[in-house]
Amino acid sequence: LRTGKLLGASAVQILIERSKGENQSIVPESWKRQLVIYACDPRIPNREEQYRWWGWATGSDKDLAIRALSELSLQEFIKLLEQSLKNTAAEHQFEARSKMLRDLFKLGKVIDARLVVHRDLNDRLDPITRKVLQPSWVRGGSQHTSIICLRCMDNVYLVEGTHNFTLRGFLGARQFPVSDYWERAPKQYYDSQFRVHESKCSIYQKHQGDWVRSFVRKLRALNIEWRGLF
């Protein structure tokens, strides 16, 4: 109070510093949601608001917070993926698809993960989850597909979706199908903006056969070596 710093910002600073000092730079599970509840999302495009709540933070402090929020987004997407595949002919895909996403995160390949929930499912998220994850929402598509967008190491961008959505990869931000997606506040999109044709993708990977190994081979053809996925 003596410094004039916002109480929520001070609380988040303590959580981040303790995560670095006491927990090997990993935000404990029970603290992750508090980062946004006490302050705001460190990726918020409004620079004034970002400075107001995160002005104390170094780049590594923000990266630590973004990694924690990205993991929450991945966890929520995996729940949506499981729901979309349950009792369908593609239910067997869930284990490999969810494992690959978790492995990407564990291997440190994911820098930022953002959720895009189908409009018809958005209201089913509990209010706290919506506040913490601040997902965008998507309209259209016959299957009501929700999407996770991943900004990864080596300038790789991935788009994965629920149901039978084909995994798509893009090399470089300019190739990402939605212009300025990573700089925008949450907003409405259309299914077709993410479901781009194979010819516009650096990687187009269906979830069939030994698809994880095929995905790694396609990365290797782009001179990108990601070990540990199988």
C-alpha atoms as a PDB file:
ATOM      1  CA  LEU A   1       0.000   0.000   0.000  1.00  0.00           C
ATOM      2  CA  ARG A   2       2.884   2.358   0.728  1.00  0.00           C
ATOM      3  CA  THR A   3       4.230   1.936  -2.800  1.00  0.00           C
ATOM      4  CA  GLY A   4       0.902   2.657  -4.454  1.00  0.00           C
ATOM      5  CA  LYS A   5       1.044  -0.630  -6.355  1.00  0.00           C
ATOM      6  CA  LEU A   6      -2.278  -2.382  -6.927  1.00  0.00           C
ATOM      7  CA  LEU A   7      -2.904  -5.091  -4.348  1.00  0.00           C
ATOM      8  CA  GLY A   8      -3.712  -7.688  -7.007  1.00  0.00           C
ATOM      9  CA  ALA A   9      -0.494  -6.915  -8.877  1.00  0.00           C
ATOM     10  CA  SER A  10       1.504  -7.296  -5.665  1.00  0.00           C
ATOM     11  CA  ALA A  11      -0.190 -10.620  -4.938  1.00  0.00           C
ATOM     12  CA  VAL A  12       0.598 -11.949  -8.422  1.00  0.00           C
ATOM     13  CA  GLN A  13       4.201 -10.764  -8.091  1.00  0.00           C
ATOM     14  CA  ILE A  14       4.515 -12.831  -4.908  1.00  0.00           C
ATOM     15  CA  LEU A  15       3.024 -15.897  -6.632  1.00  0.00           C
ATOM     16  CA  ILE A  16       5.422 -15.593  -9.581  1.00  0.00           C
ATOM     17  CA  GLU A  17       8.501 -14.957  -7.430  1.00  0.00           C
ATOM     18  CA  ARG A  18       7.670 -17.879  -5.144  1.00  0.00           C
ATOM     19  CA  SER A  19       7.080 -20.129  -8.164  1.00  0.00           C
ATOM     20  CA  LYS A  20      10.555 -19.215  -9.421  1.00  0.00           C
ATOM     21  CA  GLY A  21      12.243 -19.503  -6.056  1.00  0.00           C
ATOM     22  CA  GLU A  22      10.461 -22.494  -4.551  1.00  0.00           C
ATOM     23  CA  ASN A  23       8.937 -24.515  -7.392  1.00  0.00           C
ATOM     24  CA  GLN A  24      11.506 -24.695 -10.208  1.00  0.00           C
ATOM     25  CA  SER A  25       9.810 -21.891 -12.191  1.00  0.00           C
ATOM     26  CA  ILE A  26       6.500 -23.763 -12.405  1.00  0.00           C
ATOM     27  CA  VAL A  27       3.330 -22.103 -11.151  1.00  0.00           C
ATOM     28  CA  PRO A  28       1.568 -24.559  -8.803  1.00  0.00           C
ATOM     29  CA  GLU A  29      -1.762 -25.853 -10.081  1.00  0.00           C
ATOM     30  CA  SER A  30      -3.765 -24.139  -7.329  1.00  0.00           C
ATOM     31  CA  TRP A  31      -2.212 -20.739  -8.174  1.00  0.00           C
ATOM     32  CA  LYS A  32      -2.638 -20.661 -11.952  1.00  0.00           C
ATOM     33  CA  ARG A  33      -6.179 -19.308 -12.033  1.00  0.00           C
ATOM     34  CA  GLN A  34      -5.298 -16.615  -9.486  1.00  0.00           C
ATOM     35  CA  LEU A  35      -2.944 -14.897 -11.932  1.00  0.00           C
ATOM     36  CA  VAL A  36      -5.900 -13.536 -13.920  1.00  0.00           C
ATOM     37  CA  ILE A  37      -8.357 -13.343 -11.024  1.00  0.00           C
ATOM     38  CA  TYR A  38      -5.980 -11.133  -9.012  1.00  0.00           C
ATOM     39  CA  ALA A  39      -4.641  -9.145 -11.967  1.00  0.00           C
ATOM     40  CA  CYS A  40      -5.267  -9.723 -15.690  1.00  0.00           C
ATOM     41  CA  ASP A  41      -4.004 -11.821 -18.565  1.00  0.00           C
ATOM     42  CA  PRO A  42      -0.379 -10.721 -19.257  1.00  0.00           C
ATOM     43  CA  ARG A  43      -1.102 -11.076 -23.011  1.00  0.00           C
ATOM     44  CA  ILE A  44      -3.839  -8.421 -22.977  1.00  0.00           C
ATOM     45  CA  PRO A  45      -3.384  -6.092 -26.001  1.00  0.00           C
ATOM     46  CA  ASN A  46      -4.266  -2.973 -23.955  1.00  0.00           C
ATOM     47  CA  ARG A  47      -0.802  -1.721 -23.055  1.00  0.00           C
ATOM     48  CA  GLU A  48      -2.009   0.571 -20.299  1.00  0.00           C
ATOM     49  CA  GLU A  49      -3.864  -2.228 -18.547  1.00  0.00           C
ATOM     50  CA  GLN A  50      -0.942  -4.582 -19.040  1.00  0.00           C
ATOM     51  CA  TYR A  51       1.447  -2.065 -17.496  1.00  0.00           C
ATOM     52  CA  ARG A  52      -1.002  -1.361 -14.682  1.00  0.00           C
ATOM     53  CA  TRP A  53      -1.041  -5.000 -13.568  1.00  0.00           C
ATOM     54  CA  TRP A  54       2.219  -6.391 -14.949  1.00  0.00           C
ATOM     55  CA  GLY A  55       4.502  -3.349 -15.013  1.00  0.00           C
ATOM     56  CA  TRP A  56       6.670  -4.937 -12.329  1.00  0.00           C
ATOM     57  CA  ALA A  57       7.286  -8.092 -14.387  1.00  0.00           C
ATOM     58  CA  THR A  58      10.331  -9.021 -16.441  1.00  0.00           C
ATOM     59  CA  GLY A  59       9.986 -10.884 -19.726  1.00  0.00           C
ATOM     60  CA  SER A  60      10.702 -14.188 -17.969  1.00  0.00           C
ATOM     61  CA  ASP A  61       8.054 -13.410 -15.331  1.00  0.00           C
ATOM     62  CA  LYS A  62       5.421 -12.944 -18.049  1.00  0.00           C
ATOM     63  CA  ASP A  63       6.598 -16.051 -19.896  1.00  0.00           C
ATOM     64  CA  LEU A  64       6.142 -18.050 -16.695  1.00  0.00           C
ATOM     65  CA  ALA A  65       2.594 -16.743 -16.280  1.00  0.00           C
ATOM     66  CA  ILE A  66       1.731 -17.327 -19.960  1.00  0.00           C
ATOM     67  CA  ARG A  67       2.991 -20.899 -19.725  1.00  0.00           C
ATOM     68  CA  ALA A  68       0.711 -21.495 -16.729  1.00  0.00           C
ATOM     69  CA  LEU A  69      -2.320 -20.054 -18.528  1.00  0.00           C
ATOM     70  CA  SER A  70      -1.444 -21.991 -21.683  1.00  0.00           C
ATOM     71  CA  GLU A  71      -1.497 -25.236 -19.730  1.00  0.00           C
ATOM     72  CA  LEU A  72      -4.958 -24.393 -18.390  1.00  0.00           C
ATOM     73  CA  SER A  73      -6.142 -23.725 -21.957  1.00  0.00           C
ATOM     74  CA  LEU A  74      -4.720 -27.057 -23.107  1.00  0.00           C
ATOM     75  CA  GLN A  75      -6.417 -28.883 -20.246  1.00  0.00           C
ATOM     76  CA  GLU A  76      -9.770 -27.313 -21.094  1.00  0.00           C
ATOM     77  CA  PHE A  77      -9.353 -28.130 -24.787  1.00  0.00           C
ATOM     78  CA  ILE A  78      -8.562 -31.767 -23.976  1.00  0.00           C
ATOM     79  CA  LYS A  79     -11.831 -31.961 -22.032  1.00  0.00           C
ATOM     80  CA  LEU A  80     -13.709 -30.593 -25.055  1.00  0.00           C
ATOM     81  CA  LEU A  81     -11.864 -33.019 -27.339  1.00  0.00           C
ATOM     82  CA  GLU A  82     -12.829 -35.970 -25.164  1.00  0.00           C
ATOM     83  CA  GLN A  83     -16.483 -34.899 -25.141  1.00  0.00           C
ATOM     84  CA  SER A  84     -16.491 -34.518 -28.931  1.00  0.00           C
ATOM     85  CA  LEU A  85     -15.074 -38.005 -29.569  1.00  0.00           C
ATOM     86  CA  LYS A  86     -16.965 -39.946 -26.914  1.00  0.00           C
ATOM     87  CA  ASN A  87     -19.291 -42.626 -28.308  1.00  0.00           C
ATOM     88  CA  THR A  88     -18.218 -41.909 -31.904  1.00  0.00           C
ATOM     89  CA  ALA A  89     -16.297 -43.968 -34.449  1.00  0.00           C
ATOM     90  CA  ALA A  90     -13.262 -41.762 -33.744  1.00  0.00           C
ATOM     91  CA  GLU A  91     -13.263 -42.278 -29.951  1.00  0.00           C
ATOM     92  CA  HIS A  92     -10.073 -44.355 -30.225  1.00  0.00           C
ATOM     93  CA  GLN A  93      -8.209 -41.225 -31.389  1.00  0.00           C
ATOM     94  CA  PHE A  94      -8.510 -39.474 -28.051  1.00  0.00           C
ATOM     95  CA  GLU A  95      -5.617 -41.123 -26.222  1.00  0.00           C
ATOM     96  CA  ALA A  96      -3.002 -40.370 -28.894  1.00  0.00           C
ATOM     97  CA  ARG A  97      -4.310 -36.864 -29.656  1.00  0.00           C
ATOM     98  CA  SER A  98      -4.446 -35.791 -26.018  1.00  0.00           C
ATOM     99  CA  LYS A  99      -1.053 -37.391 -25.263  1.00  0.00           C
ATOM    100  CA  MET A 100       0.609 -35.558 -28.136  1.00  0.00           C
ATOM    101  CA  LEU A 101      -0.691 -32.204 -26.862  1.00  0.00           C
ATOM    102  CA  ARG A 102       0.479 -32.934 -23.328  1.00  0.00           C
ATOM    103  CA  ASP A 103       3.868 -34.110 -24.595  1.00  0.00           C
ATOM    104  CA  LEU A 104       4.331 -30.944 -26.652  1.00  0.00           C
ATOM    105  CA  PHE A 105       3.805 -28.939 -23.481  1.00  0.00           C
ATOM    106  CA  LYS A 106       6.017 -31.126 -21.278  1.00  0.00           C
ATOM    107  CA  LEU A 107       8.835 -30.941 -23.826  1.00  0.00           C
ATOM    108  CA  GLY A 108       8.706 -27.145 -23.680  1.00  0.00           C
ATOM    109  CA  LYS A 109       7.643 -26.736 -27.305  1.00  0.00           C
ATOM    110  CA  VAL A 110       4.514 -24.669 -26.518  1.00  0.00           C
ATOM    111  CA  ILE A 111       5.133 -20.954 -25.908  1.00  0.00           C
ATOM    112  CA  ASP A 112       1.495 -19.850 -25.930  1.00  0.00           C
ATOM    113  CA  ALA A 113      -1.817 -21.721 -26.223  1.00  0.00           C
ATOM    114  CA  ARG A 114      -5.156 -20.025 -26.811  1.00  0.00           C
ATOM    115  CA  LEU A 115      -8.603 -21.532 -26.834  1.00  0.00           C
ATOM    116  CA  VAL A 116     -11.370 -20.819 -29.356  1.00  0.00           C
ATOM    117  CA  VAL A 117     -14.639 -22.346 -28.159  1.00  0.00           C
ATOM    118  CA  HIS A 118     -17.600 -22.923 -30.426  1.00  0.00           C
ATOM    119  CA  ARG A 119     -20.309 -20.368 -29.673  1.00  0.00           C
ATOM    120  CA  ASP A 120     -22.829 -23.070 -28.754  1.00  0.00           C
ATOM    121  CA  LEU A 121     -20.432 -24.448 -26.111  1.00  0.00           C
ATOM    122  CA  ASN A 122     -19.090 -21.161 -24.749  1.00  0.00           C
ATOM    123  CA  ASP A 123     -21.980 -20.701 -22.325  1.00  0.00           C
ATOM    124  CA  ARG A 124     -21.321 -24.143 -20.855  1.00  0.00           C
ATOM    125  CA  LEU A 125     -17.952 -23.040 -19.479  1.00  0.00           C
ATOM    126  CA  ASP A 126     -18.202 -22.015 -15.868  1.00  0.00           C
ATOM    127  CA  PRO A 127     -17.796 -18.252 -15.274  1.00  0.00           C
ATOM    128  CA  ILE A 128     -14.411 -18.604 -13.554  1.00  0.00           C
ATOM    129  CA  THR A 129     -13.000 -20.646 -16.452  1.00  0.00           C
ATOM    130  CA  ARG A 130     -14.224 -18.038 -18.946  1.00  0.00           C
ATOM    131  CA  LYS A 131     -12.681 -15.233 -16.885  1.00  0.00           C
ATOM    132  CA  VAL A 132      -9.337 -17.004 -16.525  1.00  0.00           C
ATOM    133  CA  LEU A 133      -8.938 -18.390 -20.058  1.00  0.00           C
ATOM    134  CA  GLN A 134     -10.764 -15.573 -21.899  1.00  0.00           C
ATOM    135  CA  PRO A 135     -11.375 -17.751 -24.956  1.00  0.00           C
ATOM    136  CA  SER A 136     -12.375 -16.424 -28.323  1.00  0.00           C
ATOM    137  CA  TRP A 137     -15.441 -18.039 -29.866  1.00  0.00           C
ATOM    138  CA  VAL A 138     -16.149 -19.514 -33.248  1.00  0.00           C
ATOM    139  CA  ARG A 139     -19.288 -19.823 -35.359  1.00  0.00           C
ATOM    140  CA  GLY A 140     -20.198 -22.145 -38.199  1.00  0.00           C
ATOM    141  CA  GLY A 141     -19.184 -25.666 -39.025  1.00  0.00           C
ATOM    142  CA  SER A 142     -21.499 -28.657 -38.948  1.00  0.00           C
ATOM    143  CA  GLN A 143     -19.787 -30.279 -35.958  1.00  0.00           C
ATOM    144  CA  HIS A 144     -19.534 -27.249 -33.652  1.00  0.00           C
ATOM    145  CA  THR A 145     -15.760 -27.623 -33.501  1.00  0.00           C
ATOM    146  CA  SER A 146     -13.693 -25.918 -30.799  1.00  0.00           C
ATOM    147  CA  ILE A 147     -10.049 -25.111 -31.511  1.00  0.00           C
ATOM    148  CA  ILE A 148      -6.712 -24.708 -29.752  1.00  0.00           C
ATOM    149  CA  CYS A 149      -4.046 -22.484 -31.342  1.00  0.00           C
ATOM    150  CA  LEU A 150      -0.444 -23.163 -30.329  1.00  0.00           C
ATOM    151  CA  ARG A 151       2.523 -20.846 -30.811  1.00  0.00           C
ATOM    152  CA  CYS A 152       5.528 -23.130 -30.559  1.00  0.00           C
ATOM    153  CA  MET A 153       9.300 -23.154 -30.646  1.00  0.00           C
ATOM    154  CA  ASP A 154      11.131 -22.942 -33.981  1.00  0.00           C
ATOM    155  CA  ASN A 155       8.528 -20.518 -35.364  1.00  0.00           C
ATOM    156  CA  VAL A 156       5.937 -23.297 -35.667  1.00  0.00           C
ATOM    157  CA  TYR A 157       2.230 -22.548 -35.249  1.00  0.00           C
ATOM    158  CA  LEU A 158      -0.282 -25.363 -34.817  1.00  0.00           C
ATOM    159  CA  VAL A 159      -4.067 -25.470 -35.017  1.00  0.00           C
ATOM    160  CA  GLU A 160      -5.871 -28.491 -33.579  1.00  0.00           C
ATOM    161  CA  GLY A 161      -9.607 -28.940 -33.213  1.00  0.00           C
ATOM    162  CA  THR A 162     -12.183 -31.221 -31.654  1.00  0.00           C
ATOM    163  CA  HIS A 163     -14.106 -33.897 -33.556  1.00  0.00           C
ATOM    164  CA  ASN A 164     -12.327 -34.965 -36.780  1.00  0.00           C
ATOM    165  CA  PHE A 165     -10.467 -31.678 -37.338  1.00  0.00           C
ATOM    166  CA  THR A 166      -7.162 -32.271 -39.162  1.00  0.00           C
ATOM    167  CA  LEU A 167      -4.047 -30.981 -37.389  1.00  0.00           C
ATOM    168  CA  ARG A 168      -2.590 -28.052 -39.303  1.00  0.00           C
ATOM    169  CA  GLY A 169       0.867 -26.550 -38.987  1.00  0.00           C
ATOM    170  CA  PHE A 170       2.245 -23.235 -40.252  1.00  0.00           C
ATOM    171  CA  LEU A 171       5.828 -22.046 -40.417  1.00  0.00           C
ATOM    172  CA  GLY A 172       5.979 -18.428 -39.303  1.00  0.00           C
ATOM    173  CA  ALA A 173       3.361 -15.982 -38.055  1.00  0.00           C
ATOM    174  CA  ARG A 174       2.729 -14.622 -41.537  1.00  0.00           C
ATOM    175  CA  GLN A 175       1.483 -17.996 -42.707  1.00  0.00           C
ATOM    176  CA  PHE A 176      -0.904 -18.374 -39.761  1.00  0.00           C
ATOM    177  CA  PRO A 177      -4.407 -18.361 -41.272  1.00  0.00           C
ATOM    178  CA  VAL A 178      -5.866 -15.582 -39.082  1.00  0.00           C
ATOM    179  CA  SER A 179      -4.107 -12.245 -39.495  1.00  0.00           C
ATOM    180  CA  ASP A 180      -2.906 -10.620 -36.234  1.00  0.00           C
ATOM    181  CA  TYR A 181      -4.529 -13.402 -34.212  1.00  0.00           C
ATOM    182  CA  TRP A 182      -1.827 -13.349 -31.525  1.00  0.00           C
ATOM    183  CA  GLU A 183      -2.082  -9.570 -31.020  1.00  0.00           C
ATOM    184  CA  ARG A 184      -5.877  -9.384 -30.759  1.00  0.00           C
ATOM    185  CA  ALA A 185      -8.208  -9.449 -27.788  1.00  0.00           C
ATOM    186  CA  PRO A 186     -10.675 -12.381 -27.677  1.00  0.00           C
ATOM    187  CA  LYS A 187     -13.279 -12.045 -30.427  1.00  0.00           C
ATOM    188  CA  GLN A 188     -15.541 -13.995 -32.744  1.00  0.00           C
ATOM    189  CA  TYR A 189     -14.158 -16.062 -35.617  1.00  0.00           C
ATOM    190  CA  TYR A 190     -15.616 -18.432 -38.180  1.00  0.00           C
ATOM    191  CA  ASP A 191     -14.810 -22.115 -38.493  1.00  0.00           C
ATOM    192  CA  SER A 192     -13.650 -21.637 -42.069  1.00  0.00           C
ATOM    193  CA  GLN A 193     -10.889 -19.233 -40.964  1.00  0.00           C
ATOM    194  CA  PHE A 194      -9.071 -22.097 -39.227  1.00  0.00           C
ATOM    195  CA  ARG A 195     -10.183 -24.979 -41.462  1.00  0.00           C
ATOM    196  CA  VAL A 196      -7.915 -23.869 -44.304  1.00  0.00           C
ATOM    197  CA  HIS A 197      -7.093 -26.028 -47.339  1.00  0.00           C
ATOM    198  CA  GLU A 198      -4.147 -28.410 -47.223  1.00  0.00           C
ATOM    199  CA  SER A 199      -2.336 -26.382 -49.895  1.00  0.00           C
ATOM    200  CA  LYS A 200      -2.081 -23.421 -47.502  1.00  0.00           C
ATOM    201  CA  CYS A 201      -0.513 -25.437 -44.685  1.00  0.00           C
ATOM    202  CA  SER A 202       3.134 -26.259 -44.034  1.00  0.00           C
ATOM    203  CA  ILE A 203       1.870 -29.427 -42.327  1.00  0.00           C
ATOM    204  CA  TYR A 204      -1.476 -31.128 -42.840  1.00  0.00           C
ATOM    205  CA  GLN A 205      -1.772 -34.191 -40.631  1.00  0.00           C
ATOM    206  CA  LYS A 206      -4.814 -36.444 -40.371  1.00  0.00           C
ATOM    207  CA  HIS A 207      -5.170 -38.540 -37.212  1.00  0.00           C
ATOM    208  CA  GLN A 208      -4.827 -41.861 -39.010  1.00  0.00           C
ATOM    209  CA  GLY A 209      -2.325 -44.687 -38.710  1.00  0.00           C
ATOM    210  CA  ASP A 210       1.022 -43.810 -37.112  1.00  0.00           C
ATOM    211  CA  TRP A 211       0.197 -40.124 -37.450  1.00  0.00           C
ATOM    212  CA  VAL A 212       2.445 -38.792 -34.650  1.00  0.00           C
ATOM    213  CA  ARG A 213       5.523 -40.283 -36.332  1.00  0.00           C
ATOM    214  CA  SER A 214       4.296 -38.878 -39.664  1.00  0.00           C
ATOM    215  CA  PHE A 215       3.899 -35.438 -38.048  1.00  0.00           C
ATOM    216  CA  VAL A 216       7.483 -35.553 -36.745  1.00  0.00           C
ATOM    217  CA  ARG A 217       8.763 -36.566 -40.198  1.00  0.00           C
ATOM    218  CA  LYS A 218       6.965 -33.601 -41.749  1.00  0.00           C
ATOM    219  CA  LEU A 219       8.603 -31.300 -39.188  1.00  0.00           C
ATOM    220  CA  ARG A 220      11.964 -32.852 -40.007  1.00  0.00           C
ATOM    221  CA  ALA A 221      11.392 -32.124 -43.689  1.00  0.00           C
ATOM    222  CA  LEU A 222      11.153 -28.452 -42.637  1.00  0.00           C
ATOM    223  CA  ASN A 223      14.523 -28.821 -40.824  1.00  0.00           C
ATOM    224  CA  ILE A 224      12.802 -28.874 -37.419  1.00  0.00           C
ATOM    225  CA  GLU A 225      13.763 -31.658 -35.008  1.00  0.00           C
ATOM    226  CA  TRP A 226      11.298 -32.319 -32.171  1.00  0.00           C
ATOM    227  CA  ARG A 227      12.348 -35.416 -30.251  1.00  0.00           C
ATOM    228  CA  GLY A 228      10.356 -37.185 -27.564  1.00  0.00           C
ATOM    229  CA  LEU A 229       6.884 -37.238 -29.124  1.00  0.00           C
ATOM    230  CA  PHE A 230       6.945 -41.035 -29.643  1.00  0.00           C
END
